[in-house]
Amino acid sequence: VGSECMLVESIPNLATLLGREESREQETHSALDRQMQVKYLICKLVGAIAHKTQPIVLFFDDLQWADKTSLDTIQLLVTDPDIRYCHYLACYRDDEEESKVRVDEML
């Protein structure tokens, strides 16, 4: 339940999708622990949704504006060996040098 609450806090609309009220319980975590746990839970969620009979496609748009945490999360999703039946599409503008470097590093 604690992990689920953490994910719902990060993605508030997920509470509606799960048919649950948003929990107000909060566990004490450092920012880094919380960030790593949310990334882990996102990977588990995508892995649970994607199925052989119902594969999913995740489309990541405007990656040139993505922050490091978002790019790290995308990299975890793409490289997670437990996530199957998930296809990824990503696009970004390569005319912005600073953001191009971040995206190229992630790829």
PDB file of N, CA and C in Angstrom:
ATOM      1  N   VAL A   1       0.828  -1.186   0.000  1.00  0.00           N
ATOM      2  CA  VAL A   1       0.000   0.000   0.000  1.00  0.00           C
ATOM      3  C   VAL A   1       0.872   1.250   0.000  1.00  0.00           C
ATOM      4  N   GLY A   2       1.972   1.270   0.722  1.00  0.00           N
ATOM      5  CA  GLY A   2       2.849   2.430   0.758  1.00  0.00           C
ATOM      6  C   GLY A   2       3.411   2.762  -0.604  1.00  0.00           C
ATOM      7  N   SER A   3       3.838   1.749  -1.351  1.00  0.00           N
ATOM      8  CA  SER A   3       4.371   1.968  -2.687  1.00  0.00           C
ATOM      9  C   SER A   3       3.295   2.498  -3.618  1.00  0.00           C
ATOM     10  N   GLU A   4       2.105   1.932  -3.501  1.00  0.00           N
ATOM     11  CA  GLU A   4       0.997   2.384  -4.330  1.00  0.00           C
ATOM     12  C   GLU A   4       0.681   3.848  -4.037  1.00  0.00           C
ATOM     13  N   CYS A   5       0.676   4.220  -2.766  1.00  0.00           N
ATOM     14  CA  CYS A   5       0.408   5.612  -2.379  1.00  0.00           C
ATOM     15  C   CYS A   5       1.461   6.540  -2.972  1.00  0.00           C
ATOM     16  N   MET A   6       2.712   6.106  -2.947  1.00  0.00           N
ATOM     17  CA  MET A   6       3.783   6.922  -3.490  1.00  0.00           C
ATOM     18  C   MET A   6       3.589   7.142  -4.979  1.00  0.00           C
ATOM     19  N   LEU A   7       3.187   6.108  -5.697  1.00  0.00           N
ATOM     20  CA  LEU A   7       2.969   6.232  -7.132  1.00  0.00           C
ATOM     21  C   LEU A   7       1.763   7.126  -7.411  1.00  0.00           C
ATOM     22  N   VAL A   8       0.712   6.984  -6.634  1.00  0.00           N
ATOM     23  CA  VAL A   8      -0.484   7.816  -6.804  1.00  0.00           C
ATOM     24  C   VAL A   8      -0.163   9.281  -6.492  1.00  0.00           C
ATOM     25  N   GLU A   9       0.697   9.520  -5.517  1.00  0.00           N
ATOM     26  CA  GLU A   9       1.106  10.891  -5.219  1.00  0.00           C
ATOM     27  C   GLU A   9       1.857  11.494  -6.405  1.00  0.00           C
ATOM     28  N   SER A  10       2.633  10.694  -7.109  1.00  0.00           N
ATOM     29  CA  SER A  10       3.390  11.177  -8.257  1.00  0.00           C
ATOM     30  C   SER A  10       2.524  11.314  -9.501  1.00  0.00           C
ATOM     31  N   ILE A  11       1.506  10.453  -9.609  1.00  0.00           N
ATOM     32  CA  ILE A  11       0.590  10.465 -10.757  1.00  0.00           C
ATOM     33  C   ILE A  11      -0.831  10.485 -10.197  1.00  0.00           C
ATOM     34  N   PRO A  12      -1.334  11.657  -9.841  1.00  0.00           N
ATOM     35  CA  PRO A  12      -2.628  11.740  -9.159  1.00  0.00           C
ATOM     36  C   PRO A  12      -3.792  11.085  -9.915  1.00  0.00           C
ATOM     37  N   ASN A  13      -3.811  11.143 -11.228  1.00  0.00           N
ATOM     38  CA  ASN A  13      -4.905  10.531 -11.990  1.00  0.00           C
ATOM     39  C   ASN A  13      -4.908   9.013 -11.889  1.00  0.00           C
ATOM     40  N   LEU A  14      -3.832   8.446 -11.420  1.00  0.00           N
ATOM     41  CA  LEU A  14      -3.756   6.997 -11.254  1.00  0.00           C
ATOM     42  C   LEU A  14      -4.753   6.510 -10.204  1.00  0.00           C
ATOM     43  N   ALA A  15      -5.049   7.330  -9.214  1.00  0.00           N
ATOM     44  CA  ALA A  15      -6.032   6.959  -8.186  1.00  0.00           C
ATOM     45  C   ALA A  15      -7.392   6.711  -8.824  1.00  0.00           C
ATOM     46  N   THR A  16      -7.762   7.552  -9.764  1.00  0.00           N
ATOM     47  CA  THR A  16      -9.031   7.375 -10.475  1.00  0.00           C
ATOM     48  C   THR A  16      -9.002   6.101 -11.304  1.00  0.00           C
ATOM     49  N   LEU A  17      -7.896   5.879 -11.987  1.00  0.00           N
ATOM     50  CA  LEU A  17      -7.745   4.685 -12.812  1.00  0.00           C
ATOM     51  C   LEU A  17      -7.834   3.420 -11.974  1.00  0.00           C
ATOM     52  N   LEU A  18      -7.277   3.461 -10.778  1.00  0.00           N
ATOM     53  CA  LEU A  18      -7.300   2.305  -9.886  1.00  0.00           C
ATOM     54  C   LEU A  18      -8.612   2.197  -9.116  1.00  0.00           C
ATOM     55  N   GLY A  19      -9.452   3.231  -9.223  1.00  0.00           N
ATOM     56  CA  GLY A  19     -10.721   3.220  -8.513  1.00  0.00           C
ATOM     57  C   GLY A  19     -10.553   3.406  -7.029  1.00  0.00           C
ATOM     58  N   ARG A  20      -9.573   4.185  -6.644  1.00  0.00           N
ATOM     59  CA  ARG A  20      -9.288   4.394  -5.226  1.00  0.00           C
ATOM     60  C   ARG A  20      -9.224   5.874  -4.919  1.00  0.00           C
ATOM     61  N   GLU A  21      -9.513   6.186  -3.695  1.00  0.00           N
ATOM     62  CA  GLU A  21      -9.342   7.549  -3.225  1.00  0.00           C
ATOM     63  C   GLU A  21      -7.853   7.789  -3.028  1.00  0.00           C
ATOM     64  N   GLU A  22      -7.445   8.989  -3.309  1.00  0.00           N
ATOM     65  CA  GLU A  22      -6.043   9.338  -3.097  1.00  0.00           C
ATOM     66  C   GLU A  22      -5.744   9.311  -1.608  1.00  0.00           C
ATOM     67  N   SER A  23      -4.733   8.579  -1.249  1.00  0.00           N
ATOM     68  CA  SER A  23      -4.366   8.443   0.165  1.00  0.00           C
ATOM     69  C   SER A  23      -3.573   9.647   0.621  1.00  0.00           C
ATOM     70  N   ARG A  24      -3.802  10.051   1.829  1.00  0.00           N
ATOM     71  CA  ARG A  24      -3.065  11.168   2.408  1.00  0.00           C
ATOM     72  C   ARG A  24      -1.907  10.677   3.268  1.00  0.00           C
ATOM     73  N   GLU A  25      -1.787   9.346   3.407  1.00  0.00           N
ATOM     74  CA  GLU A  25      -0.682   8.800   4.187  1.00  0.00           C
ATOM     75  C   GLU A  25       0.620   9.075   3.470  1.00  0.00           C
ATOM     76  N   GLN A  26       1.608   9.455   4.216  1.00  0.00           N
ATOM     77  CA  GLN A  26       2.913   9.681   3.632  1.00  0.00           C
ATOM     78  C   GLN A  26       3.963   9.004   4.483  1.00  0.00           C
ATOM     79  N   GLU A  27       4.841   8.305   3.812  1.00  0.00           N
ATOM     80  CA  GLU A  27       5.952   7.692   4.514  1.00  0.00           C
ATOM     81  C   GLU A  27       7.135   8.644   4.408  1.00  0.00           C
ATOM     82  N   THR A  28       8.034   8.524   5.322  1.00  0.00           N
ATOM     83  CA  THR A  28       9.201   9.380   5.319  1.00  0.00           C
ATOM     84  C   THR A  28      10.287   8.729   4.465  1.00  0.00           C
ATOM     85  N   HIS A  29      10.643   9.411   3.397  1.00  0.00           N
ATOM     86  CA  HIS A  29      11.698   8.942   2.497  1.00  0.00           C
ATOM     87  C   HIS A  29      12.574  10.130   2.139  1.00  0.00           C
ATOM     88  N   SER A  30      13.835   9.853   1.891  1.00  0.00           N
ATOM     89  CA  SER A  30      14.681  10.913   1.363  1.00  0.00           C
ATOM     90  C   SER A  30      14.253  11.157  -0.081  1.00  0.00           C
ATOM     91  N   ALA A  31      14.591  12.305  -0.605  1.00  0.00           N
ATOM     92  CA  ALA A  31      14.199  12.647  -1.982  1.00  0.00           C
ATOM     93  C   ALA A  31      14.761  11.626  -2.970  1.00  0.00           C
ATOM     94  N   LEU A  32      15.990  11.195  -2.769  1.00  0.00           N
ATOM     95  CA  LEU A  32      16.606  10.226  -3.671  1.00  0.00           C
ATOM     96  C   LEU A  32      15.923   8.864  -3.579  1.00  0.00           C
ATOM     97  N   ASP A  33      15.650   8.406  -2.354  1.00  0.00           N
ATOM     98  CA  ASP A  33      14.943   7.128  -2.175  1.00  0.00           C
ATOM     99  C   ASP A  33      13.578   7.181  -2.843  1.00  0.00           C
ATOM    100  N   ARG A  34      12.884   8.265  -2.644  1.00  0.00           N
ATOM    101  CA  ARG A  34      11.547   8.431  -3.221  1.00  0.00           C
ATOM    102  C   ARG A  34      11.616   8.421  -4.747  1.00  0.00           C
ATOM    103  N   GLN A  35      12.586   9.133  -5.289  1.00  0.00           N
ATOM    104  CA  GLN A  35      12.762   9.191  -6.743  1.00  0.00           C
ATOM    105  C   GLN A  35      13.058   7.808  -7.319  1.00  0.00           C
ATOM    106  N   MET A  36      13.942   7.080  -6.676  1.00  0.00           N
ATOM    107  CA  MET A  36      14.279   5.731  -7.156  1.00  0.00           C
ATOM    108  C   MET A  36      13.073   4.794  -7.046  1.00  0.00           C
ATOM    109  N   GLN A  37      12.320   4.913  -5.961  1.00  0.00           N
ATOM    110  CA  GLN A  37      11.145   4.061  -5.778  1.00  0.00           C
ATOM    111  C   GLN A  37      10.083   4.367  -6.832  1.00  0.00           C
ATOM    112  N   VAL A  38       9.877   5.638  -7.138  1.00  0.00           N
ATOM    113  CA  VAL A  38       8.884   6.002  -8.159  1.00  0.00           C
ATOM    114  C   VAL A  38       9.315   5.459  -9.517  1.00  0.00           C
ATOM    115  N   LYS A  39      10.599   5.573  -9.856  1.00  0.00           N
ATOM    116  CA  LYS A  39      11.094   5.022 -11.128  1.00  0.00           C
ATOM    117  C   LYS A  39      10.863   3.513 -11.175  1.00  0.00           C
ATOM    118  N   TYR A  40      11.166   2.827 -10.087  1.00  0.00           N
ATOM    119  CA  TYR A  40      10.969   1.383 -10.005  1.00  0.00           C
ATOM    120  C   TYR A  40       9.491   1.035 -10.190  1.00  0.00           C
ATOM    121  N   LEU A  41       8.617   1.777  -9.522  1.00  0.00           N
ATOM    122  CA  LEU A  41       7.182   1.497  -9.609  1.00  0.00           C
ATOM    123  C   LEU A  41       6.630   1.766 -11.007  1.00  0.00           C
ATOM    124  N   ILE A  42       7.143   2.793 -11.670  1.00  0.00           N
ATOM    125  CA  ILE A  42       6.716   3.061 -13.043  1.00  0.00           C
ATOM    126  C   ILE A  42       7.104   1.892 -13.942  1.00  0.00           C
ATOM    127  N   CYS A  43       8.317   1.375 -13.770  1.00  0.00           N
ATOM    128  CA  CYS A  43       8.748   0.210 -14.558  1.00  0.00           C
ATOM    129  C   CYS A  43       7.845  -0.993 -14.280  1.00  0.00           C
ATOM    130  N   LYS A  44       7.526  -1.223 -13.018  1.00  0.00           N
ATOM    131  CA  LYS A  44       6.655  -2.347 -12.662  1.00  0.00           C
ATOM    132  C   LYS A  44       5.253  -2.160 -13.242  1.00  0.00           C
ATOM    133  N   LEU A  45       4.745  -0.938 -13.220  1.00  0.00           N
ATOM    134  CA  LEU A  45       3.424  -0.650 -13.765  1.00  0.00           C
ATOM    135  C   LEU A  45       3.385  -0.918 -15.262  1.00  0.00           C
ATOM    136  N   VAL A  46       4.361  -0.420 -15.987  1.00  0.00           N
ATOM    137  CA  VAL A  46       4.407  -0.648 -17.432  1.00  0.00           C
ATOM    138  C   VAL A  46       4.558  -2.134 -17.724  1.00  0.00           C
ATOM    139  N   GLY A  47       5.413  -2.812 -16.972  1.00  0.00           N
ATOM    140  CA  GLY A  47       5.589  -4.251 -17.156  1.00  0.00           C
ATOM    141  C   GLY A  47       4.317  -5.035 -16.900  1.00  0.00           C
ATOM    142  N   ALA A  48       3.510  -4.574 -15.956  1.00  0.00           N
ATOM    143  CA  ALA A  48       2.259  -5.263 -15.632  1.00  0.00           C
ATOM    144  C   ALA A  48       1.181  -4.998 -16.677  1.00  0.00           C
ATOM    145  N   ILE A  49       1.202  -3.830 -17.283  1.00  0.00           N
ATOM    146  CA  ILE A  49       0.179  -3.482 -18.280  1.00  0.00           C
ATOM    147  C   ILE A  49       0.458  -4.153 -19.625  1.00  0.00           C
ATOM    148  N   ALA A  50       1.719  -4.133 -20.034  1.00  0.00           N
ATOM    149  CA  ALA A  50       2.086  -4.703 -21.340  1.00  0.00           C
ATOM    150  C   ALA A  50       1.980  -6.221 -21.296  1.00  0.00           C
ATOM    151  N   HIS A  51       1.265  -6.780 -22.251  1.00  0.00           N
ATOM    152  CA  HIS A  51       1.026  -8.224 -22.283  1.00  0.00           C
ATOM    153  C   HIS A  51       1.146  -8.717 -23.720  1.00  0.00           C
ATOM    154  N   LYS A  52       1.458  -9.973 -23.882  1.00  0.00           N
ATOM    155  CA  LYS A  52       1.638 -10.555 -25.205  1.00  0.00           C
ATOM    156  C   LYS A  52       0.408 -10.326 -26.087  1.00  0.00           C
ATOM    157  N   THR A  53      -0.771 -10.471 -25.512  1.00  0.00           N
ATOM    158  CA  THR A  53      -1.995 -10.302 -26.310  1.00  0.00           C
ATOM    159  C   THR A  53      -2.421  -8.840 -26.430  1.00  0.00           C
ATOM    160  N   GLN A  54      -1.847  -7.974 -25.585  1.00  0.00           N
ATOM    161  CA  GLN A  54      -2.161  -6.556 -25.635  1.00  0.00           C
ATOM    162  C   GLN A  54      -0.893  -5.731 -25.400  1.00  0.00           C
ATOM    163  N   PRO A  55      -0.008  -5.697 -26.402  1.00  0.00           N
ATOM    164  CA  PRO A  55       1.209  -4.899 -26.241  1.00  0.00           C
ATOM    165  C   PRO A  55       0.850  -3.409 -26.187  1.00  0.00           C
ATOM    166  N   ILE A  56       1.747  -2.627 -25.651  1.00  0.00           N
ATOM    167  CA  ILE A  56       1.511  -1.188 -25.583  1.00  0.00           C
ATOM    168  C   ILE A  56       2.625  -0.432 -26.292  1.00  0.00           C
ATOM    169  N   VAL A  57       2.326   0.800 -26.651  1.00  0.00           N
ATOM    170  CA  VAL A  57       3.302   1.702 -27.253  1.00  0.00           C
ATOM    171  C   VAL A  57       3.364   2.940 -26.372  1.00  0.00           C
ATOM    172  N   LEU A  58       4.558   3.302 -25.963  1.00  0.00           N
ATOM    173  CA  LEU A  58       4.763   4.532 -25.209  1.00  0.00           C
ATOM    174  C   LEU A  58       5.433   5.539 -26.141  1.00  0.00           C
ATOM    175  N   PHE A  59       4.826   6.691 -26.264  1.00  0.00           N
ATOM    176  CA  PHE A  59       5.342   7.751 -27.126  1.00  0.00           C
ATOM    177  C   PHE A  59       5.856   8.894 -26.268  1.00  0.00           C
ATOM    178  N   PHE A  60       7.123   9.199 -26.416  1.00  0.00           N
ATOM    179  CA  PHE A  60       7.761  10.276 -25.670  1.00  0.00           C
ATOM    180  C   PHE A  60       8.025  11.425 -26.640  1.00  0.00           C
ATOM    181  N   ASP A  61       7.346  12.526 -26.424  1.00  0.00           N
ATOM    182  CA  ASP A  61       7.421  13.677 -27.327  1.00  0.00           C
ATOM    183  C   ASP A  61       8.241  14.802 -26.694  1.00  0.00           C
ATOM    184  N   ASP A  62       8.872  15.582 -27.530  1.00  0.00           N
ATOM    185  CA  ASP A  62       9.617  16.770 -27.100  1.00  0.00           C
ATOM    186  C   ASP A  62      10.676  16.464 -26.049  1.00  0.00           C
ATOM    187  N   LEU A  63      11.451  15.423 -26.285  1.00  0.00           N
ATOM    188  CA  LEU A  63      12.482  15.045 -25.313  1.00  0.00           C
ATOM    189  C   LEU A  63      13.553  16.117 -25.131  1.00  0.00           C
ATOM    190  N   GLN A  64      13.642  17.050 -26.066  1.00  0.00           N
ATOM    191  CA  GLN A  64      14.634  18.120 -25.905  1.00  0.00           C
ATOM    192  C   GLN A  64      14.343  18.967 -24.667  1.00  0.00           C
ATOM    193  N   TRP A  65      13.115  18.910 -24.164  1.00  0.00           N
ATOM    194  CA  TRP A  65      12.759  19.682 -22.976  1.00  0.00           C
ATOM    195  C   TRP A  65      12.708  18.821 -21.714  1.00  0.00           C
ATOM    196  N   ALA A  66      12.991  17.559 -21.843  1.00  0.00           N
ATOM    197  CA  ALA A  66      12.930  16.654 -20.681  1.00  0.00           C
ATOM    198  C   ALA A  66      14.091  16.916 -19.730  1.00  0.00           C
ATOM    199  N   ASP A  67      13.807  16.816 -18.447  1.00  0.00           N
ATOM    200  CA  ASP A  67      14.865  16.970 -17.456  1.00  0.00           C
ATOM    201  C   ASP A  67      15.604  15.645 -17.276  1.00  0.00           C
ATOM    202  N   LYS A  68      16.685  15.686 -16.534  1.00  0.00           N
ATOM    203  CA  LYS A  68      17.526  14.489 -16.347  1.00  0.00           C
ATOM    204  C   LYS A  68      16.747  13.348 -15.698  1.00  0.00           C
ATOM    205  N   THR A  69      15.920  13.655 -14.715  1.00  0.00           N
ATOM    206  CA  THR A  69      15.147  12.614 -14.042  1.00  0.00           C
ATOM    207  C   THR A  69      14.210  11.905 -15.017  1.00  0.00           C
ATOM    208  N   SER A  70      13.559  12.667 -15.879  1.00  0.00           N
ATOM    209  CA  SER A  70      12.661  12.070 -16.864  1.00  0.00           C
ATOM    210  C   SER A  70      13.433  11.199 -17.854  1.00  0.00           C
ATOM    211  N   LEU A  71      14.573  11.703 -18.319  1.00  0.00           N
ATOM    212  CA  LEU A  71      15.384  10.912 -19.249  1.00  0.00           C
ATOM    213  C   LEU A  71      15.907   9.644 -18.586  1.00  0.00           C
ATOM    214  N   ASP A  72      16.284   9.739 -17.323  1.00  0.00           N
ATOM    215  CA  ASP A  72      16.739   8.547 -16.591  1.00  0.00           C
ATOM    216  C   ASP A  72      15.615   7.525 -16.463  1.00  0.00           C
ATOM    217  N   THR A  73      14.403   8.001 -16.212  1.00  0.00           N
ATOM    218  CA  THR A  73      13.259   7.100 -16.092  1.00  0.00           C
ATOM    219  C   THR A  73      12.968   6.417 -17.419  1.00  0.00           C
ATOM    220  N   ILE A  74      13.024   7.159 -18.499  1.00  0.00           N
ATOM    221  CA  ILE A  74      12.811   6.575 -19.830  1.00  0.00           C
ATOM    222  C   ILE A  74      13.879   5.535 -20.117  1.00  0.00           C
ATOM    223  N   GLN A  75      15.117   5.848 -19.774  1.00  0.00           N
ATOM    224  CA  GLN A  75      16.204   4.891 -19.991  1.00  0.00           C
ATOM    225  C   GLN A  75      15.973   3.609 -19.195  1.00  0.00           C
ATOM    226  N   LEU A  76      15.517   3.738 -17.965  1.00  0.00           N
ATOM    227  CA  LEU A  76      15.208   2.550 -17.158  1.00  0.00           C
ATOM    228  C   LEU A  76      14.106   1.719 -17.808  1.00  0.00           C
ATOM    229  N   LEU A  77      13.068   2.377 -18.307  1.00  0.00           N
ATOM    230  CA  LEU A  77      11.970   1.663 -18.964  1.00  0.00           C
ATOM    231  C   LEU A  77      12.472   0.884 -20.176  1.00  0.00           C
ATOM    232  N   VAL A  78      13.247   1.561 -21.006  1.00  0.00           N
ATOM    233  CA  VAL A  78      13.703   0.970 -22.262  1.00  0.00           C
ATOM    234  C   VAL A  78      14.674  -0.188 -22.038  1.00  0.00           C
ATOM    235  N   THR A  79      15.451  -0.113 -20.972  1.00  0.00           N
ATOM    236  CA  THR A  79      16.474  -1.141 -20.745  1.00  0.00           C
ATOM    237  C   THR A  79      16.061  -2.212 -19.738  1.00  0.00           C
ATOM    238  N   ASP A  80      14.882  -2.087 -19.150  1.00  0.00           N
ATOM    239  CA  ASP A  80      14.423  -3.068 -18.159  1.00  0.00           C
ATOM    240  C   ASP A  80      14.126  -4.401 -18.842  1.00  0.00           C
ATOM    241  N   PRO A  81      14.873  -5.459 -18.507  1.00  0.00           N
ATOM    242  CA  PRO A  81      14.665  -6.752 -19.171  1.00  0.00           C
ATOM    243  C   PRO A  81      13.343  -7.425 -18.799  1.00  0.00           C
ATOM    244  N   ASP A  82      12.689  -6.966 -17.740  1.00  0.00           N
ATOM    245  CA  ASP A  82      11.416  -7.556 -17.332  1.00  0.00           C
ATOM    246  C   ASP A  82      10.218  -6.964 -18.065  1.00  0.00           C
ATOM    247  N   ILE A  83      10.433  -5.865 -18.782  1.00  0.00           N
ATOM    248  CA  ILE A  83       9.336  -5.251 -19.543  1.00  0.00           C
ATOM    249  C   ILE A  83       9.361  -5.818 -20.951  1.00  0.00           C
ATOM    250  N   ARG A  84       8.317  -6.543 -21.257  1.00  0.00           N
ATOM    251  CA  ARG A  84       8.178  -7.131 -22.594  1.00  0.00           C
ATOM    252  C   ARG A  84       6.899  -6.605 -23.217  1.00  0.00           C
ATOM    253  N   TYR A  85       6.797  -6.741 -24.510  1.00  0.00           N
ATOM    254  CA  TYR A  85       5.586  -6.362 -25.243  1.00  0.00           C
ATOM    255  C   TYR A  85       5.285  -4.873 -25.117  1.00  0.00           C
ATOM    256  N   CYS A  86       6.321  -4.094 -25.047  1.00  0.00           N
ATOM    257  CA  CYS A  86       6.185  -2.650 -24.987  1.00  0.00           C
ATOM    258  C   CYS A  86       7.107  -2.059 -26.056  1.00  0.00           C
ATOM    259  N   HIS A  87       6.548  -1.195 -26.864  1.00  0.00           N
ATOM    260  CA  HIS A  87       7.311  -0.536 -27.922  1.00  0.00           C
ATOM    261  C   HIS A  87       7.431   0.936 -27.565  1.00  0.00           C
ATOM    262  N   TYR A  88       8.533   1.530 -27.959  1.00  0.00           N
ATOM    263  CA  TYR A  88       8.800   2.908 -27.586  1.00  0.00           C
ATOM    264  C   TYR A  88       9.037   3.749 -28.832  1.00  0.00           C
ATOM    265  N   LEU A  89       8.434   4.901 -28.855  1.00  0.00           N
ATOM    266  CA  LEU A  89       8.688   5.903 -29.882  1.00  0.00           C
ATOM    267  C   LEU A  89       9.084   7.179 -29.166  1.00  0.00           C
ATOM    268  N   ALA A  90      10.094   7.829 -29.677  1.00  0.00           N
ATOM    269  CA  ALA A  90      10.540   9.071 -29.060  1.00  0.00           C
ATOM    270  C   ALA A  90      10.893  10.070 -30.147  1.00  0.00           C
ATOM    271  N   CYS A  91      10.625  11.326 -29.859  1.00  0.00           N
ATOM    272  CA  CYS A  91      11.042  12.357 -30.809  1.00  0.00           C
ATOM    273  C   CYS A  91      11.574  13.561 -30.045  1.00  0.00           C
ATOM    274  N   TYR A  92      12.479  14.250 -30.703  1.00  0.00           N
ATOM    275  CA  TYR A  92      13.039  15.461 -30.133  1.00  0.00           C
ATOM    276  C   TYR A  92      13.612  16.304 -31.260  1.00  0.00           C
ATOM    277  N   ARG A  93      13.745  17.563 -30.987  1.00  0.00           N
ATOM    278  CA  ARG A  93      14.366  18.486 -31.944  1.00  0.00           C
ATOM    279  C   ARG A  93      15.860  18.470 -31.697  1.00  0.00           C
ATOM    280  N   ASP A  94      16.601  18.295 -32.753  1.00  0.00           N
ATOM    281  CA  ASP A  94      18.056  18.255 -32.580  1.00  0.00           C
ATOM    282  C   ASP A  94      18.712  19.598 -32.883  1.00  0.00           C
ATOM    283  N   ASP A  95      17.921  20.656 -32.959  1.00  0.00           N
ATOM    284  CA  ASP A  95      18.488  21.971 -33.246  1.00  0.00           C
ATOM    285  C   ASP A  95      18.836  22.757 -31.980  1.00  0.00           C
ATOM    286  N   GLU A  96      18.595  22.176 -30.829  1.00  0.00           N
ATOM    287  CA  GLU A  96      18.967  22.810 -29.564  1.00  0.00           C
ATOM    288  C   GLU A  96      20.119  22.008 -28.975  1.00  0.00           C
ATOM    289  N   GLU A  97      21.315  22.544 -29.074  1.00  0.00           N
ATOM    290  CA  GLU A  97      22.541  21.798 -28.773  1.00  0.00           C
ATOM    291  C   GLU A  97      22.580  21.240 -27.347  1.00  0.00           C
ATOM    292  N   GLU A  98      22.237  22.053 -26.362  1.00  0.00           N
ATOM    293  CA  GLU A  98      22.320  21.586 -24.971  1.00  0.00           C
ATOM    294  C   GLU A  98      21.413  20.386 -24.714  1.00  0.00           C
ATOM    295  N   SER A  99      20.179  20.470 -25.169  1.00  0.00           N
ATOM    296  CA  SER A  99      19.246  19.364 -24.937  1.00  0.00           C
ATOM    297  C   SER A  99      19.576  18.172 -25.829  1.00  0.00           C
ATOM    298  N   LYS A 100      20.137  18.423 -27.004  1.00  0.00           N
ATOM    299  CA  LYS A 100      20.532  17.325 -27.893  1.00  0.00           C
ATOM    300  C   LYS A 100      21.577  16.453 -27.204  1.00  0.00           C
ATOM    301  N   VAL A 101      22.506  17.065 -26.491  1.00  0.00           N
ATOM    302  CA  VAL A 101      23.554  16.317 -25.794  1.00  0.00           C
ATOM    303  C   VAL A 101      22.926  15.412 -24.740  1.00  0.00           C
ATOM    304  N   ARG A 102      21.962  15.936 -23.940  1.00  0.00           N
ATOM    305  CA  ARG A 102      21.312  15.124 -22.897  1.00  0.00           C
ATOM    306  C   ARG A 102      20.565  13.941 -23.503  1.00  0.00           C
ATOM    307  N   VAL A 103      19.837  14.183 -24.581  1.00  0.00           N
ATOM    308  CA  VAL A 103      19.071  13.114 -25.221  1.00  0.00           C
ATOM    309  C   VAL A 103      20.011  12.096 -25.851  1.00  0.00           C
ATOM    310  N   ASP A 104      21.039  12.575 -26.528  1.00  0.00           N
ATOM    311  CA  ASP A 104      22.013  11.654 -27.137  1.00  0.00           C
ATOM    312  C   ASP A 104      22.705  10.788 -26.091  1.00  0.00           C
ATOM    313  N   GLU A 105      23.003  11.352 -24.922  1.00  0.00           N
ATOM    314  CA  GLU A 105      23.609  10.569 -23.842  1.00  0.00           C
ATOM    315  C   GLU A 105      22.672   9.476 -23.368  1.00  0.00           C
ATOM    316  N   MET A 106      21.384   9.806 -23.300  1.00  0.00           N
ATOM    317  CA  MET A 106      20.391   8.824 -22.843  1.00  0.00           C
ATOM    318  C   MET A 106      20.244   7.699 -23.868  1.00  0.00           C
ATOM    319  N   LEU A 107      20.272   8.051 -25.142  1.00  0.00           N
ATOM    320  CA  LEU A 107      20.105   7.041 -26.183  1.00  0.00           C
ATOM    321  C   LEU A 107      21.341   6.177 -26.278  1.00  0.00           C
TER     322      LEU A 107
END
